[in-house]
Amino acid sequence: MIGPDLRPREVLFSGACVCLAFCILIGCSNPGPQPAKPVTLEFSLSLDPDVYSRSHYKKPPQFAIWIEDTAGEKIRTIWVTEKTGAGSWGGEIVRPVSLPYWVSRWNKETGRSGDPTPENPAADAVTGATPKQDLTCRIEVPAATKWNCFVEVNVSGDFNDSFSAESKDGQKDRNGNGQPSIIYRGQITAHPGRRSEPKLIGRTHQFEAVSNVIPDIEGISDAKDLFSQIEVSAR
């Protein structure tokens, strides 16, 4: 006679066998932790048309938006104005000094050299006409990754006392550049809810296409007011 203390063990053993057999039949497996979903970084920018309408040419600015990993090795262009990004100036003078810092980063991103041209443009997916006032653009990145966020902007012909059509030593601004492009930088980690407001960190050169940021912004005047808002948010 089997004692009552053994019956629960028999039931448990029997249930375990059934469960094991079921798993063998359907192929039970432990998938482990699933990778987090990508996070969207959203850039929101607001232009002040009154600022560029006071320039010599009264043309909207050229600007580029991109991100880099903290090592500066992985670069992803998000958006760039069409004239610079496609090298298409509509018969106007080509302006190699419009966004020279972005061009240097785009060269590293793509493995190319020189400015974009109609034969060698930036990808259609990232180029567009200058917005009249507001622009929103987005990019997906892996969750929890950290990025430096950049915006470079330039208005042609915004001359002032520091960046005039002809320098004090007689050098002429043959590209009609005026105040050189200025660069904003912020940093964000790809966690939903995080925000960043990129700050002005420097400029390029009035007469030459340089690949570095010059931290001295003395003499930059209304160019600093082109954007009334630059914000990056993770969603």
Foldseek 3Di string as FASTA:
>chain_A
DDDPVCVVVVVVVVVVVVVVVVCVVVVDDDPPDDFDDWKKKKKKWWFDLVLLCPFPVSDAKWKWKWKAAPVLQAIDTFATECCQQQVCPPPDDRAQQRFLQVQLSVCSNVVHDDTHYNVRGHDPNHYDHDDPTMDMTMDIDGAFGKIKIKMKMFRFRRADPCFHQADPVGRGQPNSGHFGIWMWIWMDTQDAPDKIFTDTQAGDDRRDRDNDGDRDPPPPDSSVVRIPGIMMGID
